């Protein structure tokens, strides 16, 4: 069952990231992955803003060229790149975040592939995107994953910044 919240509560977060999945990353890795998350976040914010605009979709097929839909698909594609980067680096995410990623990863990968290639059959709605859009239970999961990854990566950058602060360096010298 999908939660109706787009963030994880503290117990869910502890189960998802309490094991410190980014503690063993190489210097700069979390920053690089966070950069891609930031790019995804720019698209998400633009999508959320565009959803408030009242675009007319006549004929209905024109929805596929709407600004809001464009932002959404690029957001989803960028979010896949973050998930893929974590996977390639063997970063294990557990609990609800890990479960949500497992549920959305295939759809996000197919979405990324669909938006980065013009369909060979000239169809306006790529079947990979159509299947994603039809799975309404994914919407909140994708939002939760997005916020969870932002929290995870942002927290790691803060931790690393604190370690390299002048005060931290002074303490290490003692």
C-alpha atoms as a PDB file:
ATOM      1  CA  UNK A   1       0.000   0.000   0.000  1.00  0.00           C
ATOM      2  CA  UNK A   2       1.296   3.431  -0.929  1.00  0.00           C
ATOM      3  CA  UNK A   3       1.507   6.108   1.729  1.00  0.00           C
ATOM      4  CA  UNK A   4      -0.418   9.304   1.096  1.00  0.00           C
ATOM      5  CA  UNK A   5       2.617  11.330   2.229  1.00  0.00           C
ATOM      6  CA  UNK A   6       5.460  12.409  -0.016  1.00  0.00           C
ATOM      7  CA  UNK A   7       8.054  12.193   2.752  1.00  0.00           C
ATOM      8  CA  UNK A   8       9.168   9.519   5.201  1.00  0.00           C
ATOM      9  CA  UNK A   9       8.403   9.852   8.893  1.00  0.00           C
ATOM     10  CA  UNK A  10      11.294   9.537  11.346  1.00  0.00           C
ATOM     11  CA  UNK A  11      10.822   5.789  11.941  1.00  0.00           C
ATOM     12  CA  UNK A  12      10.681   5.128   8.198  1.00  0.00           C
ATOM     13  CA  UNK A  13      13.764   7.286   7.738  1.00  0.00           C
ATOM     14  CA  UNK A  14      15.721   5.454  10.428  1.00  0.00           C
ATOM     15  CA  UNK A  15      14.851   2.127   8.763  1.00  0.00           C
ATOM     16  CA  UNK A  16      15.850   3.509   5.351  1.00  0.00           C
ATOM     17  CA  UNK A  17      19.065   5.389   6.090  1.00  0.00           C
ATOM     18  CA  UNK A  18      19.999   4.696   9.695  1.00  0.00           C
ATOM     19  CA  UNK A  19      22.768   2.344   8.545  1.00  0.00           C
ATOM     20  CA  UNK A  20      24.661   5.259   6.962  1.00  0.00           C
ATOM     21  CA  UNK A  21      24.607   4.109   3.341  1.00  0.00           C
ATOM     22  CA  UNK A  22      26.814   6.970   2.118  1.00  0.00           C
ATOM     23  CA  UNK A  23      29.475   6.826   4.832  1.00  0.00           C
ATOM     24  CA  UNK A  24      31.819   4.720   2.708  1.00  0.00           C
ATOM     25  CA  UNK A  25      31.539   6.716  -0.513  1.00  0.00           C
ATOM     26  CA  UNK A  26      34.664   8.090  -2.121  1.00  0.00           C
ATOM     27  CA  UNK A  27      35.400  11.811  -1.806  1.00  0.00           C
ATOM     28  CA  UNK A  28      33.219  13.755  -4.205  1.00  0.00           C
ATOM     29  CA  UNK A  29      30.798  10.910  -5.028  1.00  0.00           C
ATOM     30  CA  UNK A  30      27.935  12.170  -2.895  1.00  0.00           C
ATOM     31  CA  UNK A  31      28.413  15.643  -4.352  1.00  0.00           C
ATOM     32  CA  UNK A  32      28.227  14.347  -7.935  1.00  0.00           C
ATOM     33  CA  UNK A  33      25.110  12.318  -7.246  1.00  0.00           C
ATOM     34  CA  UNK A  34      23.570  15.233  -5.339  1.00  0.00           C
ATOM     35  CA  UNK A  35      24.250  17.478  -8.343  1.00  0.00           C
ATOM     36  CA  UNK A  36      22.082  15.219 -10.492  1.00  0.00           C
ATOM     37  CA  UNK A  37      19.433  15.184  -7.787  1.00  0.00           C
ATOM     38  CA  UNK A  38      19.511  19.009  -7.852  1.00  0.00           C
ATOM     39  CA  UNK A  39      18.964  18.941 -11.613  1.00  0.00           C
ATOM     40  CA  UNK A  40      16.016  16.599 -11.044  1.00  0.00           C
ATOM     41  CA  UNK A  41      14.727  18.923  -8.334  1.00  0.00           C
ATOM     42  CA  UNK A  42      14.789  21.930 -10.680  1.00  0.00           C
ATOM     43  CA  UNK A  43      12.546  19.976 -13.050  1.00  0.00           C
ATOM     44  CA  UNK A  44      10.257  18.865 -10.190  1.00  0.00           C
ATOM     45  CA  UNK A  45       9.845  22.433  -8.970  1.00  0.00           C
ATOM     46  CA  UNK A  46       9.083  23.618 -12.513  1.00  0.00           C
ATOM     47  CA  UNK A  47       6.595  20.756 -12.885  1.00  0.00           C
ATOM     48  CA  UNK A  48       4.844  21.629  -9.617  1.00  0.00           C
ATOM     49  CA  UNK A  49       4.619  25.288 -10.661  1.00  0.00           C
ATOM     50  CA  UNK A  50       3.416  24.455 -14.177  1.00  0.00           C
ATOM     51  CA  UNK A  51       0.704  22.201 -12.769  1.00  0.00           C
ATOM     52  CA  UNK A  52      -0.933  25.319 -11.361  1.00  0.00           C
ATOM     53  CA  UNK A  53      -1.202  26.795 -14.857  1.00  0.00           C
ATOM     54  CA  UNK A  54      -4.393  26.031 -16.700  1.00  0.00           C
ATOM     55  CA  UNK A  55      -3.228  24.693 -20.042  1.00  0.00           C
ATOM     56  CA  UNK A  56      -5.844  23.699 -22.600  1.00  0.00           C
ATOM     57  CA  UNK A  57      -5.246  20.342 -24.225  1.00  0.00           C
ATOM     58  CA  UNK A  58      -7.174  20.339 -27.471  1.00  0.00           C
ATOM     59  CA  UNK A  59      -6.996  17.763 -28.851  1.00  0.00           C
ATOM     60  CA  UNK A  60      -6.197  15.679 -25.781  1.00  0.00           C
ATOM     61  CA  UNK A  61      -3.076  14.267 -27.465  1.00  0.00           C
ATOM     62  CA  UNK A  62      -1.527  17.719 -27.044  1.00  0.00           C
ATOM     63  CA  UNK A  63      -1.075  16.963 -23.351  1.00  0.00           C
ATOM     64  CA  UNK A  64       2.202  15.301 -24.387  1.00  0.00           C
ATOM     65  CA  UNK A  65       3.657  18.681 -25.405  1.00  0.00           C
ATOM     66  CA  UNK A  66       2.462  20.558 -22.322  1.00  0.00           C
ATOM     67  CA  UNK A  67       5.105  22.327 -20.261  1.00  0.00           C
ATOM     68  CA  UNK A  68       4.036  20.513 -17.106  1.00  0.00           C
ATOM     69  CA  UNK A  69       4.314  17.088 -18.711  1.00  0.00           C
ATOM     70  CA  UNK A  70       7.681  17.980 -20.221  1.00  0.00           C
ATOM     71  CA  UNK A  71       9.029  18.978 -16.812  1.00  0.00           C
ATOM     72  CA  UNK A  72       7.611  15.812 -15.227  1.00  0.00           C
ATOM     73  CA  UNK A  73       9.246  13.440 -17.700  1.00  0.00           C
ATOM     74  CA  UNK A  74      12.626  15.172 -17.505  1.00  0.00           C
ATOM     75  CA  UNK A  75      12.344  15.119 -13.696  1.00  0.00           C
ATOM     76  CA  UNK A  76      11.614  11.382 -13.793  1.00  0.00           C
ATOM     77  CA  UNK A  77      14.522  10.768 -16.170  1.00  0.00           C
ATOM     78  CA  UNK A  78      16.940  12.711 -13.971  1.00  0.00           C
ATOM     79  CA  UNK A  79      15.685  10.906 -10.875  1.00  0.00           C
ATOM     80  CA  UNK A  80      16.471   7.622 -12.607  1.00  0.00           C
ATOM     81  CA  UNK A  81      20.056   8.808 -13.128  1.00  0.00           C
ATOM     82  CA  UNK A  82      20.402   9.327  -9.366  1.00  0.00           C
ATOM     83  CA  UNK A  83      19.027   5.865  -8.613  1.00  0.00           C
ATOM     84  CA  UNK A  84      21.299   4.351 -11.254  1.00  0.00           C
ATOM     85  CA  UNK A  85      24.371   6.123  -9.801  1.00  0.00           C
ATOM     86  CA  UNK A  86      23.611   4.789  -6.319  1.00  0.00           C
ATOM     87  CA  UNK A  87      23.116   1.288  -7.675  1.00  0.00           C
ATOM     88  CA  UNK A  88      26.353   1.338  -9.692  1.00  0.00           C
ATOM     89  CA  UNK A  89      28.241   2.351  -6.555  1.00  0.00           C
ATOM     90  CA  UNK A  90      26.651  -0.470  -4.542  1.00  0.00           C
ATOM     91  CA  UNK A  91      24.986   1.961  -2.143  1.00  0.00           C
ATOM     92  CA  UNK A  92      22.314  -0.039  -0.359  1.00  0.00           C
ATOM     93  CA  UNK A  93      19.123   1.720   0.662  1.00  0.00           C
ATOM     94  CA  UNK A  94      16.865  -0.181   3.032  1.00  0.00           C
ATOM     95  CA  UNK A  95      13.440   0.150   4.571  1.00  0.00           C
ATOM     96  CA  UNK A  96      10.638   2.115   2.935  1.00  0.00           C
ATOM     97  CA  UNK A  97      13.010   4.155   0.736  1.00  0.00           C
ATOM     98  CA  UNK A  98      14.622   0.987  -0.596  1.00  0.00           C
ATOM     99  CA  UNK A  99      11.208  -0.598  -1.166  1.00  0.00           C
ATOM    100  CA  UNK A 100       9.902   2.492  -2.946  1.00  0.00           C
ATOM    101  CA  UNK A 101      12.979   2.614  -5.183  1.00  0.00           C
ATOM    102  CA  UNK A 102      12.521  -1.068  -6.031  1.00  0.00           C
ATOM    103  CA  UNK A 103       8.913  -0.336  -6.999  1.00  0.00           C
ATOM    104  CA  UNK A 104       9.622   2.702  -9.241  1.00  0.00           C
ATOM    105  CA  UNK A 105      13.069   1.998 -10.695  1.00  0.00           C
ATOM    106  CA  UNK A 106      11.954   0.044 -13.773  1.00  0.00           C
ATOM    107  CA  UNK A 107       9.302   2.596 -14.732  1.00  0.00           C
ATOM    108  CA  UNK A 108      11.737   5.490 -14.264  1.00  0.00           C
ATOM    109  CA  UNK A 109      14.389   3.776 -16.365  1.00  0.00           C
ATOM    110  CA  UNK A 110      11.907   3.177 -19.174  1.00  0.00           C
ATOM    111  CA  UNK A 111      10.748   6.790 -18.914  1.00  0.00           C
ATOM    112  CA  UNK A 112      14.330   8.039 -19.187  1.00  0.00           C
ATOM    113  CA  UNK A 113      14.874   5.870 -22.241  1.00  0.00           C
ATOM    114  CA  UNK A 114      11.627   7.059 -23.815  1.00  0.00           C
ATOM    115  CA  UNK A 115      12.291  10.774 -23.334  1.00  0.00           C
ATOM    116  CA  UNK A 116      15.833  10.577 -24.652  1.00  0.00           C
ATOM    117  CA  UNK A 117      14.826   8.986 -27.955  1.00  0.00           C
ATOM    118  CA  UNK A 118      12.301  10.027 -30.576  1.00  0.00           C
ATOM    119  CA  UNK A 119       9.960   7.047 -31.134  1.00  0.00           C
ATOM    120  CA  UNK A 120      10.721   5.050 -34.278  1.00  0.00           C
ATOM    121  CA  UNK A 121       7.039   4.406 -34.959  1.00  0.00           C
ATOM    122  CA  UNK A 122       6.098   8.134 -34.898  1.00  0.00           C
ATOM    123  CA  UNK A 123       3.605   7.625 -32.062  1.00  0.00           C
ATOM    124  CA  UNK A 124       3.038  10.696 -29.921  1.00  0.00           C
ATOM    125  CA  UNK A 125       2.701   8.627 -26.757  1.00  0.00           C
ATOM    126  CA  UNK A 126       5.555   6.161 -26.308  1.00  0.00           C
ATOM    127  CA  UNK A 127       4.256   2.918 -24.807  1.00  0.00           C
ATOM    128  CA  UNK A 128       6.890   3.127 -22.040  1.00  0.00           C
ATOM    129  CA  UNK A 129       5.523   6.493 -20.965  1.00  0.00           C
ATOM    130  CA  UNK A 130       1.935   5.354 -21.324  1.00  0.00           C
ATOM    131  CA  UNK A 131       2.549   2.443 -18.951  1.00  0.00           C
ATOM    132  CA  UNK A 132       4.163   4.782 -16.444  1.00  0.00           C
ATOM    133  CA  UNK A 133       1.290   7.251 -16.564  1.00  0.00           C
ATOM    134  CA  UNK A 134      -1.258   4.461 -16.133  1.00  0.00           C
ATOM    135  CA  UNK A 135       0.312   3.351 -12.833  1.00  0.00           C
ATOM    136  CA  UNK A 136      -1.231   5.948 -10.517  1.00  0.00           C
ATOM    137  CA  UNK A 137       0.252   4.303  -7.413  1.00  0.00           C
ATOM    138  CA  UNK A 138       3.717   5.330  -8.610  1.00  0.00           C
ATOM    139  CA  UNK A 139       3.136   9.084  -8.373  1.00  0.00           C
ATOM    140  CA  UNK A 140       3.388   9.371  -4.589  1.00  0.00           C
ATOM    141  CA  UNK A 141       6.171   6.769  -4.445  1.00  0.00           C
ATOM    142  CA  UNK A 142       8.218   8.772  -6.951  1.00  0.00           C
ATOM    143  CA  UNK A 143       7.728  11.907  -4.853  1.00  0.00           C
ATOM    144  CA  UNK A 144       8.749  10.036  -1.694  1.00  0.00           C
ATOM    145  CA  UNK A 145      11.854   8.655  -3.415  1.00  0.00           C
ATOM    146  CA  UNK A 146      12.725  12.119  -4.696  1.00  0.00           C
ATOM    147  CA  UNK A 147      12.436  13.715  -1.252  1.00  0.00           C
ATOM    148  CA  UNK A 148      14.190  10.780   0.419  1.00  0.00           C
ATOM    149  CA  UNK A 149      17.157  10.907  -1.930  1.00  0.00           C
ATOM    150  CA  UNK A 150      17.396  14.667  -1.476  1.00  0.00           C
ATOM    151  CA  UNK A 151      17.423  14.233   2.286  1.00  0.00           C
ATOM    152  CA  UNK A 152      20.010  11.448   2.121  1.00  0.00           C
ATOM    153  CA  UNK A 153      22.388  13.228  -0.235  1.00  0.00           C
ATOM    154  CA  UNK A 154      21.939  16.650   1.354  1.00  0.00           C
ATOM    155  CA  UNK A 155      22.588  15.170   4.787  1.00  0.00           C
ATOM    156  CA  UNK A 156      25.793  13.547   3.567  1.00  0.00           C
ATOM    157  CA  UNK A 157      27.018  16.821   2.083  1.00  0.00           C
ATOM    158  CA  UNK A 158      26.344  18.564   5.395  1.00  0.00           C
ATOM    159  CA  UNK A 159      28.206  15.819   7.257  1.00  0.00           C
ATOM    160  CA  UNK A 160      31.200  16.109   4.931  1.00  0.00           C
ATOM    161  CA  UNK A 161      31.188  19.916   5.159  1.00  0.00           C
ATOM    162  CA  UNK A 162      31.229  19.688   8.958  1.00  0.00           C
ATOM    163  CA  UNK A 163      34.210  17.326   8.783  1.00  0.00           C
ATOM    164  CA  UNK A 164      36.183  19.772   6.662  1.00  0.00           C
ATOM    165  CA  UNK A 165      35.334  22.885   8.646  1.00  0.00           C
ATOM    166  CA  UNK A 166      38.238  24.758  10.293  1.00  0.00           C
ATOM    167  CA  UNK A 167      36.987  23.738  13.732  1.00  0.00           C
ATOM    168  CA  UNK A 168      36.883  20.050  12.758  1.00  0.00           C
ATOM    169  CA  UNK A 169      40.408  20.251  11.326  1.00  0.00           C
ATOM    170  CA  UNK A 170      41.653  21.895  14.535  1.00  0.00           C
ATOM    171  CA  UNK A 171      40.107  19.113  16.643  1.00  0.00           C
ATOM    172  CA  UNK A 172      41.798  16.435  14.513  1.00  0.00           C
ATOM    173  CA  UNK A 173      45.212  18.065  15.053  1.00  0.00           C
ATOM    174  CA  UNK A 174      44.913  17.781  18.836  1.00  0.00           C
END
